[in-house]
């Protein structure tokens, strides 16, 4: 699955005011460099938890630091997943 494509779609859902030409290009991007504020990040976490089937309890325990990257966010979701998404397009359709 293309995680960058999935995250770009989730960023657009979580932050509709994001410039249309914004594109995440690396999973090593710091979460703070994605253009999302704290509320956007919470919404992105909720969307990703739906995609990966992460429980609300596990989602509440997620801690990201200023050094956390998009890769770290995906690693947390995958570690607590009950669903394995097959592709970004289907995952985005399921949460849109």
N, C-alpha and C. Protein backbone atom coordinates (compact mmCIF):
# COMPACT_ATOMS: atom_id res chain seq x y z
N UNK A 1 0.84 -1.17 0.00
CA UNK A 1 0.00 0.00 0.00
C UNK A 1 0.89 1.24 0.00
N UNK A 2 0.44 2.25 -0.72
CA UNK A 2 1.18 3.50 -0.80
C UNK A 2 0.80 4.39 0.39
N UNK A 3 1.66 4.40 1.39
CA UNK A 3 1.39 5.15 2.62
C UNK A 3 1.41 6.65 2.39
N UNK A 4 2.25 7.11 1.48
CA UNK A 4 2.29 8.54 1.19
C UNK A 4 0.97 8.97 0.57
N UNK A 5 0.45 8.19 -0.36
CA UNK A 5 -0.84 8.51 -0.97
C UNK A 5 -1.95 8.52 0.09
N UNK A 6 -1.93 7.53 0.96
CA UNK A 6 -2.92 7.45 2.02
C UNK A 6 -2.82 8.67 2.94
N UNK A 7 -1.63 9.02 3.35
CA UNK A 7 -1.45 10.15 4.27
C UNK A 7 -1.84 11.46 3.59
N UNK A 8 -1.52 11.63 2.32
CA UNK A 8 -1.95 12.84 1.61
C UNK A 8 -3.47 12.96 1.59
N UNK A 9 -4.15 11.85 1.37
CA UNK A 9 -5.61 11.85 1.39
C UNK A 9 -6.15 12.17 2.77
N UNK A 10 -5.53 11.61 3.79
CA UNK A 10 -5.98 11.85 5.16
C UNK A 10 -5.71 13.30 5.57
N UNK A 11 -4.58 13.85 5.16
CA UNK A 11 -4.31 15.26 5.46
C UNK A 11 -5.38 16.14 4.84
N UNK A 12 -5.79 15.85 3.63
CA UNK A 12 -6.84 16.65 2.98
C UNK A 12 -8.17 16.51 3.71
N UNK A 13 -8.46 15.32 4.24
CA UNK A 13 -9.69 15.15 5.02
C UNK A 13 -9.60 15.88 6.36
N UNK A 14 -8.46 15.77 7.01
CA UNK A 14 -8.29 16.35 8.34
C UNK A 14 -8.15 17.87 8.29
N UNK A 15 -7.58 18.37 7.21
CA UNK A 15 -7.35 19.82 7.07
C UNK A 15 -7.80 20.26 5.68
N UNK A 16 -9.12 20.44 5.51
CA UNK A 16 -9.64 20.80 4.18
C UNK A 16 -9.08 22.11 3.63
N UNK A 17 -8.62 22.99 4.51
CA UNK A 17 -8.07 24.28 4.05
C UNK A 17 -6.64 24.16 3.54
N UNK A 18 -6.07 22.97 3.61
CA UNK A 18 -4.69 22.76 3.13
C UNK A 18 -4.64 23.13 1.64
N UNK A 19 -3.60 23.86 1.23
CA UNK A 19 -3.48 24.20 -0.20
C UNK A 19 -3.57 22.94 -1.06
N UNK A 20 -4.31 23.04 -2.15
CA UNK A 20 -4.55 21.88 -3.02
C UNK A 20 -3.26 21.28 -3.58
N UNK A 21 -2.22 22.10 -3.71
CA UNK A 21 -0.98 21.59 -4.29
C UNK A 21 -0.04 20.97 -3.25
N UNK A 22 -0.46 20.95 -1.96
CA UNK A 22 0.38 20.34 -0.93
C UNK A 22 0.47 18.84 -1.16
N UNK A 23 1.67 18.31 -1.11
CA UNK A 23 1.88 16.87 -1.24
C UNK A 23 3.00 16.45 -0.29
N UNK A 24 2.67 15.53 0.59
CA UNK A 24 3.69 14.89 1.41
C UNK A 24 4.53 14.03 0.46
N UNK A 25 5.85 14.08 0.61
CA UNK A 25 6.70 13.34 -0.32
C UNK A 25 7.55 12.28 0.35
N UNK A 26 7.59 12.30 1.70
CA UNK A 26 8.44 11.34 2.39
C UNK A 26 7.81 10.93 3.72
N UNK A 27 7.93 9.67 4.04
CA UNK A 27 7.46 9.18 5.34
C UNK A 27 8.36 9.67 6.47
N UNK A 28 9.53 10.18 6.13
CA UNK A 28 10.46 10.71 7.13
C UNK A 28 10.14 12.15 7.50
N UNK A 29 9.09 12.72 6.93
CA UNK A 29 8.67 14.09 7.25
C UNK A 29 8.22 14.14 8.71
N UNK A 30 8.70 15.15 9.42
CA UNK A 30 8.23 15.35 10.80
C UNK A 30 6.75 15.67 10.77
N UNK A 31 6.01 15.15 11.74
CA UNK A 31 4.58 15.45 11.80
C UNK A 31 4.36 16.96 11.87
N UNK A 32 5.24 17.66 12.56
CA UNK A 32 5.12 19.12 12.69
C UNK A 32 5.33 19.84 11.36
N UNK A 33 5.93 19.16 10.38
CA UNK A 33 6.17 19.77 9.07
C UNK A 33 5.10 19.41 8.04
N UNK A 34 4.02 18.77 8.47
CA UNK A 34 2.96 18.38 7.53
C UNK A 34 1.96 19.50 7.30
N UNK A 35 2.03 20.57 8.09
CA UNK A 35 1.08 21.66 7.95
C UNK A 35 -0.17 21.47 8.78
N UNK A 36 -0.22 20.38 9.55
CA UNK A 36 -1.39 20.14 10.40
C UNK A 36 -1.17 20.75 11.77
N UNK A 37 -2.26 21.30 12.34
CA UNK A 37 -2.19 21.77 13.72
C UNK A 37 -2.64 20.64 14.64
N UNK A 38 -2.74 20.90 15.93
CA UNK A 38 -3.04 19.83 16.88
C UNK A 38 -4.41 19.19 16.63
N UNK A 39 -5.42 19.98 16.30
CA UNK A 39 -6.74 19.42 16.00
C UNK A 39 -6.72 18.59 14.73
N UNK A 40 -6.02 19.09 13.71
CA UNK A 40 -5.88 18.33 12.46
C UNK A 40 -5.20 16.99 12.73
N UNK A 41 -4.17 17.02 13.57
CA UNK A 41 -3.45 15.79 13.88
C UNK A 41 -4.37 14.79 14.58
N UNK A 42 -5.20 15.28 15.50
CA UNK A 42 -6.15 14.38 16.18
C UNK A 42 -7.08 13.75 15.14
N UNK A 43 -7.59 14.56 14.23
CA UNK A 43 -8.49 14.03 13.20
C UNK A 43 -7.76 13.03 12.31
N UNK A 44 -6.53 13.33 11.94
CA UNK A 44 -5.75 12.39 11.11
C UNK A 44 -5.57 11.07 11.86
N UNK A 45 -5.30 11.14 13.15
CA UNK A 45 -5.17 9.93 13.96
C UNK A 45 -6.45 9.13 14.00
N UNK A 46 -7.58 9.82 14.10
CA UNK A 46 -8.88 9.13 14.10
C UNK A 46 -9.11 8.45 12.76
N UNK A 47 -8.84 9.16 11.67
CA UNK A 47 -9.00 8.55 10.33
C UNK A 47 -8.09 7.34 10.17
N UNK A 48 -6.83 7.48 10.55
CA UNK A 48 -5.90 6.35 10.42
C UNK A 48 -6.32 5.18 11.32
N UNK A 49 -6.85 5.49 12.49
CA UNK A 49 -7.29 4.41 13.38
C UNK A 49 -8.45 3.64 12.76
N UNK A 50 -9.30 4.33 12.01
CA UNK A 50 -10.39 3.65 11.30
C UNK A 50 -9.83 2.76 10.19
N UNK A 51 -8.87 3.27 9.47
CA UNK A 51 -8.26 2.50 8.37
C UNK A 51 -7.59 1.23 8.89
N UNK A 52 -6.92 1.34 10.03
CA UNK A 52 -6.17 0.21 10.58
C UNK A 52 -6.93 -0.56 11.67
N UNK A 53 -8.12 -0.12 12.01
CA UNK A 53 -8.89 -0.82 13.03
C UNK A 53 -8.27 -0.72 14.41
N UNK A 54 -7.66 0.40 14.72
CA UNK A 54 -7.03 0.61 16.02
C UNK A 54 -8.12 1.03 17.01
N UNK A 55 -8.13 0.41 18.16
CA UNK A 55 -9.16 0.70 19.15
C UNK A 55 -9.02 2.12 19.69
N UNK A 56 -10.13 2.63 20.19
CA UNK A 56 -10.13 3.97 20.78
C UNK A 56 -9.17 4.04 21.96
N UNK A 57 -9.10 2.96 22.74
CA UNK A 57 -8.18 2.94 23.88
C UNK A 57 -6.73 3.05 23.44
N UNK A 58 -6.37 2.28 22.40
CA UNK A 58 -4.99 2.36 21.89
C UNK A 58 -4.71 3.72 21.27
N UNK A 59 -5.70 4.29 20.61
CA UNK A 59 -5.52 5.61 20.01
C UNK A 59 -5.25 6.66 21.09
N UNK A 60 -5.94 6.56 22.21
CA UNK A 60 -5.74 7.51 23.30
C UNK A 60 -4.35 7.40 23.91
N UNK A 61 -3.73 6.23 23.80
CA UNK A 61 -2.40 6.01 24.37
C UNK A 61 -1.26 6.45 23.44
N UNK A 62 -1.60 6.80 22.22
CA UNK A 62 -0.58 7.18 21.25
C UNK A 62 0.09 8.48 21.69
N UNK A 63 1.40 8.47 21.71
CA UNK A 63 2.18 9.66 22.07
C UNK A 63 3.17 9.93 20.93
N UNK A 64 3.07 11.11 20.38
CA UNK A 64 4.02 11.53 19.37
C UNK A 64 4.77 12.73 19.92
N UNK A 65 6.05 12.82 19.62
CA UNK A 65 6.91 13.91 20.10
C UNK A 65 7.22 14.86 18.95
N UNK A 66 7.87 15.99 19.23
CA UNK A 66 8.25 16.89 18.14
C UNK A 66 9.17 16.22 17.10
N UNK A 67 9.84 15.15 17.50
CA UNK A 67 10.73 14.44 16.57
C UNK A 67 10.01 13.32 15.82
N UNK A 68 8.73 13.11 16.09
CA UNK A 68 8.00 12.02 15.45
C UNK A 68 7.76 12.32 13.98
N UNK A 69 7.87 11.27 13.18
CA UNK A 69 7.68 11.39 11.74
C UNK A 69 6.39 10.70 11.33
N UNK A 70 6.04 10.89 10.08
CA UNK A 70 4.87 10.20 9.53
C UNK A 70 5.10 8.69 9.62
N UNK A 71 6.33 8.25 9.42
CA UNK A 71 6.67 6.83 9.54
C UNK A 71 6.37 6.31 10.94
N UNK A 72 6.66 7.12 11.96
CA UNK A 72 6.37 6.73 13.35
C UNK A 72 4.86 6.57 13.56
N UNK A 73 4.10 7.47 12.98
CA UNK A 73 2.64 7.39 13.10
C UNK A 73 2.12 6.09 12.48
N UNK A 74 2.61 5.76 11.30
CA UNK A 74 2.20 4.50 10.67
C UNK A 74 2.67 3.30 11.47
N UNK A 75 3.86 3.37 12.03
CA UNK A 75 4.38 2.25 12.84
C UNK A 75 3.47 2.00 14.03
N UNK A 76 3.01 3.07 14.68
CA UNK A 76 2.10 2.91 15.82
C UNK A 76 0.80 2.26 15.36
N UNK A 77 0.25 2.75 14.27
CA UNK A 77 -1.02 2.20 13.77
C UNK A 77 -0.86 0.73 13.41
N UNK A 78 0.21 0.40 12.74
CA UNK A 78 0.43 -1.00 12.33
C UNK A 78 0.65 -1.91 13.54
N UNK A 79 1.29 -1.41 14.58
CA UNK A 79 1.54 -2.20 15.78
C UNK A 79 0.25 -2.51 16.53
N UNK A 80 -0.78 -1.68 16.36
CA UNK A 80 -2.04 -1.86 17.08
C UNK A 80 -3.20 -2.21 16.14
N UNK A 81 -2.88 -2.53 14.90
CA UNK A 81 -3.90 -2.77 13.87
C UNK A 81 -4.68 -4.07 14.07
N UNK A 82 -5.95 -3.99 13.75
CA UNK A 82 -6.79 -5.19 13.64
C UNK A 82 -7.23 -5.38 12.19
N UNK A 83 -6.89 -4.40 11.35
CA UNK A 83 -7.20 -4.44 9.91
C UNK A 83 -5.92 -4.13 9.16
N UNK A 84 -5.70 -4.83 8.06
CA UNK A 84 -4.57 -4.52 7.19
C UNK A 84 -5.13 -3.97 5.88
N UNK A 85 -5.04 -2.66 5.68
CA UNK A 85 -5.57 -2.08 4.44
C UNK A 85 -4.77 -2.56 3.24
N UNK A 86 -5.46 -2.77 2.13
CA UNK A 86 -4.78 -3.28 0.94
C UNK A 86 -4.27 -2.20 0.02
N UNK A 87 -5.03 -1.10 -0.09
CA UNK A 87 -4.53 0.00 -0.91
C UNK A 87 -5.12 1.32 -0.43
N UNK A 88 -4.44 2.39 -0.79
CA UNK A 88 -4.80 3.72 -0.29
C UNK A 88 -6.17 4.16 -0.79
N UNK A 89 -6.48 3.89 -2.05
CA UNK A 89 -7.75 4.33 -2.61
C UNK A 89 -8.93 3.72 -1.87
N UNK A 90 -8.87 2.42 -1.60
CA UNK A 90 -9.97 1.75 -0.88
C UNK A 90 -10.06 2.26 0.55
N UNK A 91 -8.92 2.45 1.18
CA UNK A 91 -8.90 2.94 2.56
C UNK A 91 -9.52 4.33 2.63
N UNK A 92 -9.19 5.20 1.68
CA UNK A 92 -9.74 6.55 1.68
C UNK A 92 -11.24 6.54 1.40
N UNK A 93 -11.68 5.67 0.52
CA UNK A 93 -13.13 5.56 0.25
C UNK A 93 -13.87 5.15 1.51
N UNK A 94 -13.28 4.28 2.30
CA UNK A 94 -13.94 3.76 3.50
C UNK A 94 -14.13 4.84 4.57
N UNK A 95 -13.27 5.85 4.58
CA UNK A 95 -13.35 6.88 5.64
C UNK A 95 -13.91 8.20 5.13
N UNK A 96 -14.02 8.36 3.83
CA UNK A 96 -14.49 9.65 3.28
C UNK A 96 -15.98 9.84 3.45
